[in-house]
């Protein structure tokens, strides 16, 4: 499960067994974990993360979108 970014208490990572899904990123915090699709950016799943933190995470996904897409393809297709 490679970590792509760490920003504050958020860890952005992939799971190795999900290469058959569309590009996405998992984000873990002390509260739980969420998953965002990357194209288009959209919340796919949330387990325990508060709405205000989801908005912050979504903003970070947009901010680092190009990097996340590149790393997703490197990891799953590389």
N, C-alpha and C. Protein backbone atom coordinates (compact mmCIF):
# COMPACT_ATOMS: atom_id res chain seq x y z
N UNK A 1 0.85 -1.17 0.00
CA UNK A 1 0.00 0.00 0.00
C UNK A 1 0.90 1.23 0.00
N UNK A 2 1.29 1.69 -1.18
CA UNK A 2 2.21 2.83 -1.25
C UNK A 2 1.55 4.15 -0.85
N UNK A 3 2.28 4.91 -0.07
CA UNK A 3 1.83 6.25 0.31
C UNK A 3 2.33 7.23 -0.74
N UNK A 4 1.42 8.04 -1.25
CA UNK A 4 1.74 9.02 -2.29
C UNK A 4 2.02 10.39 -1.67
N UNK A 5 1.20 10.77 -0.71
CA UNK A 5 1.35 12.07 -0.03
C UNK A 5 1.00 11.93 1.44
N UNK A 6 1.62 12.77 2.23
CA UNK A 6 1.21 12.98 3.63
C UNK A 6 1.07 14.48 3.79
N UNK A 7 -0.14 14.90 4.14
CA UNK A 7 -0.42 16.31 4.36
C UNK A 7 -1.16 16.41 5.68
N UNK A 8 -0.53 17.02 6.66
CA UNK A 8 -1.13 17.07 7.99
C UNK A 8 -1.38 15.66 8.49
N UNK A 9 -2.61 15.40 8.90
CA UNK A 9 -2.96 14.07 9.40
C UNK A 9 -3.52 13.16 8.31
N UNK A 10 -3.44 13.60 7.06
CA UNK A 10 -4.00 12.82 5.95
C UNK A 10 -2.90 12.05 5.22
N UNK A 11 -3.15 10.78 4.99
CA UNK A 11 -2.22 9.94 4.22
C UNK A 11 -2.93 9.48 2.96
N UNK A 12 -2.42 9.86 1.81
CA UNK A 12 -2.98 9.51 0.50
C UNK A 12 -2.26 8.27 0.01
N UNK A 13 -3.02 7.22 -0.31
CA UNK A 13 -2.39 5.96 -0.69
C UNK A 13 -3.26 5.14 -1.64
N UNK A 14 -2.65 4.10 -2.21
CA UNK A 14 -3.35 3.13 -3.05
C UNK A 14 -3.31 1.77 -2.38
N UNK A 15 -4.23 0.91 -2.76
CA UNK A 15 -4.17 -0.51 -2.42
C UNK A 15 -3.74 -1.25 -3.68
N UNK A 16 -2.92 -2.26 -3.52
CA UNK A 16 -2.34 -2.93 -4.68
C UNK A 16 -3.32 -3.80 -5.45
N UNK A 17 -4.42 -4.20 -4.84
CA UNK A 17 -5.34 -5.13 -5.51
C UNK A 17 -6.53 -4.43 -6.17
N UNK A 18 -6.40 -3.15 -6.50
CA UNK A 18 -7.53 -2.40 -7.06
C UNK A 18 -7.25 -1.82 -8.44
N UNK A 19 -6.33 -2.43 -9.17
CA UNK A 19 -5.97 -1.91 -10.47
C UNK A 19 -7.05 -2.04 -11.53
N UNK A 20 -8.08 -2.84 -11.26
CA UNK A 20 -9.16 -3.01 -12.23
C UNK A 20 -10.25 -1.94 -12.07
N UNK A 21 -10.12 -1.06 -11.10
CA UNK A 21 -11.08 0.03 -10.90
C UNK A 21 -10.60 1.29 -11.62
N UNK A 22 -11.50 2.23 -11.85
CA UNK A 22 -11.07 3.52 -12.40
C UNK A 22 -10.07 4.20 -11.44
N UNK A 23 -9.27 5.14 -11.94
CA UNK A 23 -8.30 5.83 -11.08
C UNK A 23 -8.96 6.44 -9.84
N UNK A 24 -8.34 6.19 -8.69
CA UNK A 24 -8.86 6.69 -7.43
C UNK A 24 -7.74 6.78 -6.41
N UNK A 25 -8.04 7.42 -5.29
CA UNK A 25 -7.09 7.57 -4.19
C UNK A 25 -7.82 7.31 -2.88
N UNK A 26 -7.13 6.64 -1.96
CA UNK A 26 -7.65 6.44 -0.61
C UNK A 26 -6.96 7.46 0.29
N UNK A 27 -7.69 7.99 1.25
CA UNK A 27 -7.12 8.94 2.20
C UNK A 27 -7.50 8.49 3.60
N UNK A 28 -6.48 8.28 4.42
CA UNK A 28 -6.69 7.84 5.80
C UNK A 28 -6.34 8.99 6.73
N UNK A 29 -7.16 9.11 7.78
CA UNK A 29 -6.88 10.06 8.85
C UNK A 29 -7.14 9.33 10.17
N UNK A 30 -6.97 10.02 11.27
CA UNK A 30 -7.20 9.39 12.57
C UNK A 30 -8.67 9.01 12.74
N UNK A 31 -9.56 9.68 12.02
CA UNK A 31 -11.01 9.42 12.14
C UNK A 31 -11.48 8.23 11.31
N UNK A 32 -10.81 7.96 10.19
CA UNK A 32 -11.29 6.90 9.31
C UNK A 32 -10.60 6.96 7.97
N UNK A 33 -11.33 6.55 6.93
CA UNK A 33 -10.77 6.52 5.59
C UNK A 33 -11.85 6.86 4.57
N UNK A 34 -11.42 7.52 3.50
CA UNK A 34 -12.33 7.80 2.39
C UNK A 34 -11.63 7.45 1.08
N UNK A 35 -12.42 7.42 0.03
CA UNK A 35 -11.92 7.10 -1.30
C UNK A 35 -12.52 8.11 -2.27
N UNK A 36 -11.66 8.67 -3.13
CA UNK A 36 -12.11 9.62 -4.15
C UNK A 36 -11.76 9.07 -5.51
N UNK A 37 -12.74 9.09 -6.42
CA UNK A 37 -12.45 8.85 -7.83
C UNK A 37 -11.66 10.05 -8.32
N UNK A 38 -10.78 9.83 -9.29
CA UNK A 38 -9.93 10.91 -9.79
C UNK A 38 -10.37 11.49 -11.13
N UNK A 39 -11.25 10.80 -11.85
CA UNK A 39 -11.66 11.31 -13.16
C UNK A 39 -13.12 10.94 -13.44
N UNK A 40 -14.04 11.80 -13.10
CA UNK A 40 -13.89 13.09 -12.45
C UNK A 40 -13.70 12.93 -10.94
N UNK A 41 -13.20 13.98 -10.30
CA UNK A 41 -13.01 13.94 -8.85
C UNK A 41 -14.38 13.89 -8.19
N UNK A 42 -14.55 12.83 -7.38
CA UNK A 42 -15.85 12.63 -6.73
C UNK A 42 -15.66 11.66 -5.56
N UNK A 43 -16.32 11.93 -4.46
CA UNK A 43 -16.26 11.03 -3.32
C UNK A 43 -16.89 9.69 -3.69
N UNK A 44 -16.15 8.61 -3.47
CA UNK A 44 -16.66 7.26 -3.76
C UNK A 44 -17.12 6.55 -2.51
N UNK A 45 -16.41 6.78 -1.39
CA UNK A 45 -16.73 6.06 -0.16
C UNK A 45 -16.18 6.84 1.02
N UNK A 46 -16.89 6.78 2.13
CA UNK A 46 -16.43 7.42 3.35
C UNK A 46 -16.74 6.54 4.54
N UNK A 47 -15.74 6.33 5.37
CA UNK A 47 -15.94 5.60 6.62
C UNK A 47 -15.36 6.41 7.76
N UNK A 48 -16.19 7.25 8.38
CA UNK A 48 -15.82 7.92 9.61
C UNK A 48 -15.24 9.31 9.51
N UNK A 49 -15.00 9.82 8.34
CA UNK A 49 -14.41 11.15 8.22
C UNK A 49 -15.52 12.20 8.19
N UNK A 50 -15.37 13.23 9.01
CA UNK A 50 -16.38 14.29 9.12
C UNK A 50 -16.48 15.09 7.82
N UNK A 51 -17.66 15.66 7.60
CA UNK A 51 -17.94 16.43 6.37
C UNK A 51 -16.94 17.56 6.17
N UNK A 52 -16.59 18.27 7.22
CA UNK A 52 -15.65 19.39 7.07
C UNK A 52 -14.27 18.90 6.62
N UNK A 53 -13.86 17.74 7.10
CA UNK A 53 -12.58 17.17 6.67
C UNK A 53 -12.67 16.64 5.24
N UNK A 54 -13.82 16.11 4.86
CA UNK A 54 -13.99 15.66 3.47
C UNK A 54 -13.83 16.81 2.49
N UNK A 55 -14.32 17.99 2.86
CA UNK A 55 -14.16 19.16 1.99
C UNK A 55 -12.69 19.54 1.85
N UNK A 56 -11.95 19.45 2.94
CA UNK A 56 -10.50 19.74 2.90
C UNK A 56 -9.80 18.71 2.02
N UNK A 57 -10.12 17.44 2.22
CA UNK A 57 -9.50 16.37 1.44
C UNK A 57 -9.84 16.54 -0.04
N UNK A 58 -11.09 16.85 -0.35
CA UNK A 58 -11.48 17.06 -1.74
C UNK A 58 -10.67 18.19 -2.37
N UNK A 59 -10.49 19.26 -1.64
CA UNK A 59 -9.68 20.38 -2.14
C UNK A 59 -8.25 19.93 -2.41
N UNK A 60 -7.69 19.10 -1.52
CA UNK A 60 -6.34 18.58 -1.71
C UNK A 60 -6.26 17.64 -2.91
N UNK A 61 -7.29 16.85 -3.12
CA UNK A 61 -7.32 15.96 -4.29
C UNK A 61 -7.30 16.80 -5.57
N UNK A 62 -8.06 17.88 -5.60
CA UNK A 62 -8.02 18.77 -6.77
C UNK A 62 -6.64 19.42 -6.92
N UNK A 63 -6.07 19.86 -5.80
CA UNK A 63 -4.78 20.55 -5.84
C UNK A 63 -3.66 19.63 -6.35
N UNK A 64 -3.70 18.37 -5.95
CA UNK A 64 -2.65 17.41 -6.32
C UNK A 64 -3.12 16.42 -7.38
N UNK A 65 -4.17 16.77 -8.10
CA UNK A 65 -4.81 15.86 -9.05
C UNK A 65 -3.83 15.27 -10.06
N UNK A 66 -3.02 16.09 -10.69
CA UNK A 66 -2.10 15.60 -11.72
C UNK A 66 -1.12 14.58 -11.14
N UNK A 67 -0.55 14.88 -10.00
CA UNK A 67 0.37 13.95 -9.34
C UNK A 67 -0.32 12.64 -9.00
N UNK A 68 -1.52 12.71 -8.46
CA UNK A 68 -2.26 11.51 -8.05
C UNK A 68 -2.58 10.63 -9.26
N UNK A 69 -3.00 11.23 -10.36
CA UNK A 69 -3.27 10.47 -11.59
C UNK A 69 -2.00 9.80 -12.09
N UNK A 70 -0.90 10.56 -12.14
CA UNK A 70 0.37 10.00 -12.63
C UNK A 70 0.81 8.83 -11.77
N UNK A 71 0.77 8.99 -10.46
CA UNK A 71 1.21 7.94 -9.55
C UNK A 71 0.28 6.73 -9.62
N UNK A 72 -1.00 6.96 -9.81
CA UNK A 72 -1.94 5.85 -9.95
C UNK A 72 -1.55 5.00 -11.16
N UNK A 73 -1.33 5.63 -12.29
CA UNK A 73 -0.99 4.90 -13.51
C UNK A 73 0.39 4.24 -13.40
N UNK A 74 1.34 4.91 -12.80
CA UNK A 74 2.67 4.31 -12.58
C UNK A 74 2.54 3.04 -11.75
N UNK A 75 1.78 3.12 -10.68
CA UNK A 75 1.66 1.99 -9.75
C UNK A 75 0.88 0.83 -10.36
N UNK A 76 -0.25 1.12 -11.00
CA UNK A 76 -1.12 0.07 -11.47
C UNK A 76 -0.79 -0.41 -12.89
N UNK A 77 -0.09 0.40 -13.67
CA UNK A 77 0.23 -0.01 -15.05
C UNK A 77 1.73 -0.15 -15.27
N UNK A 78 2.52 0.26 -14.28
CA UNK A 78 3.96 0.33 -14.45
C UNK A 78 4.66 -0.94 -14.30
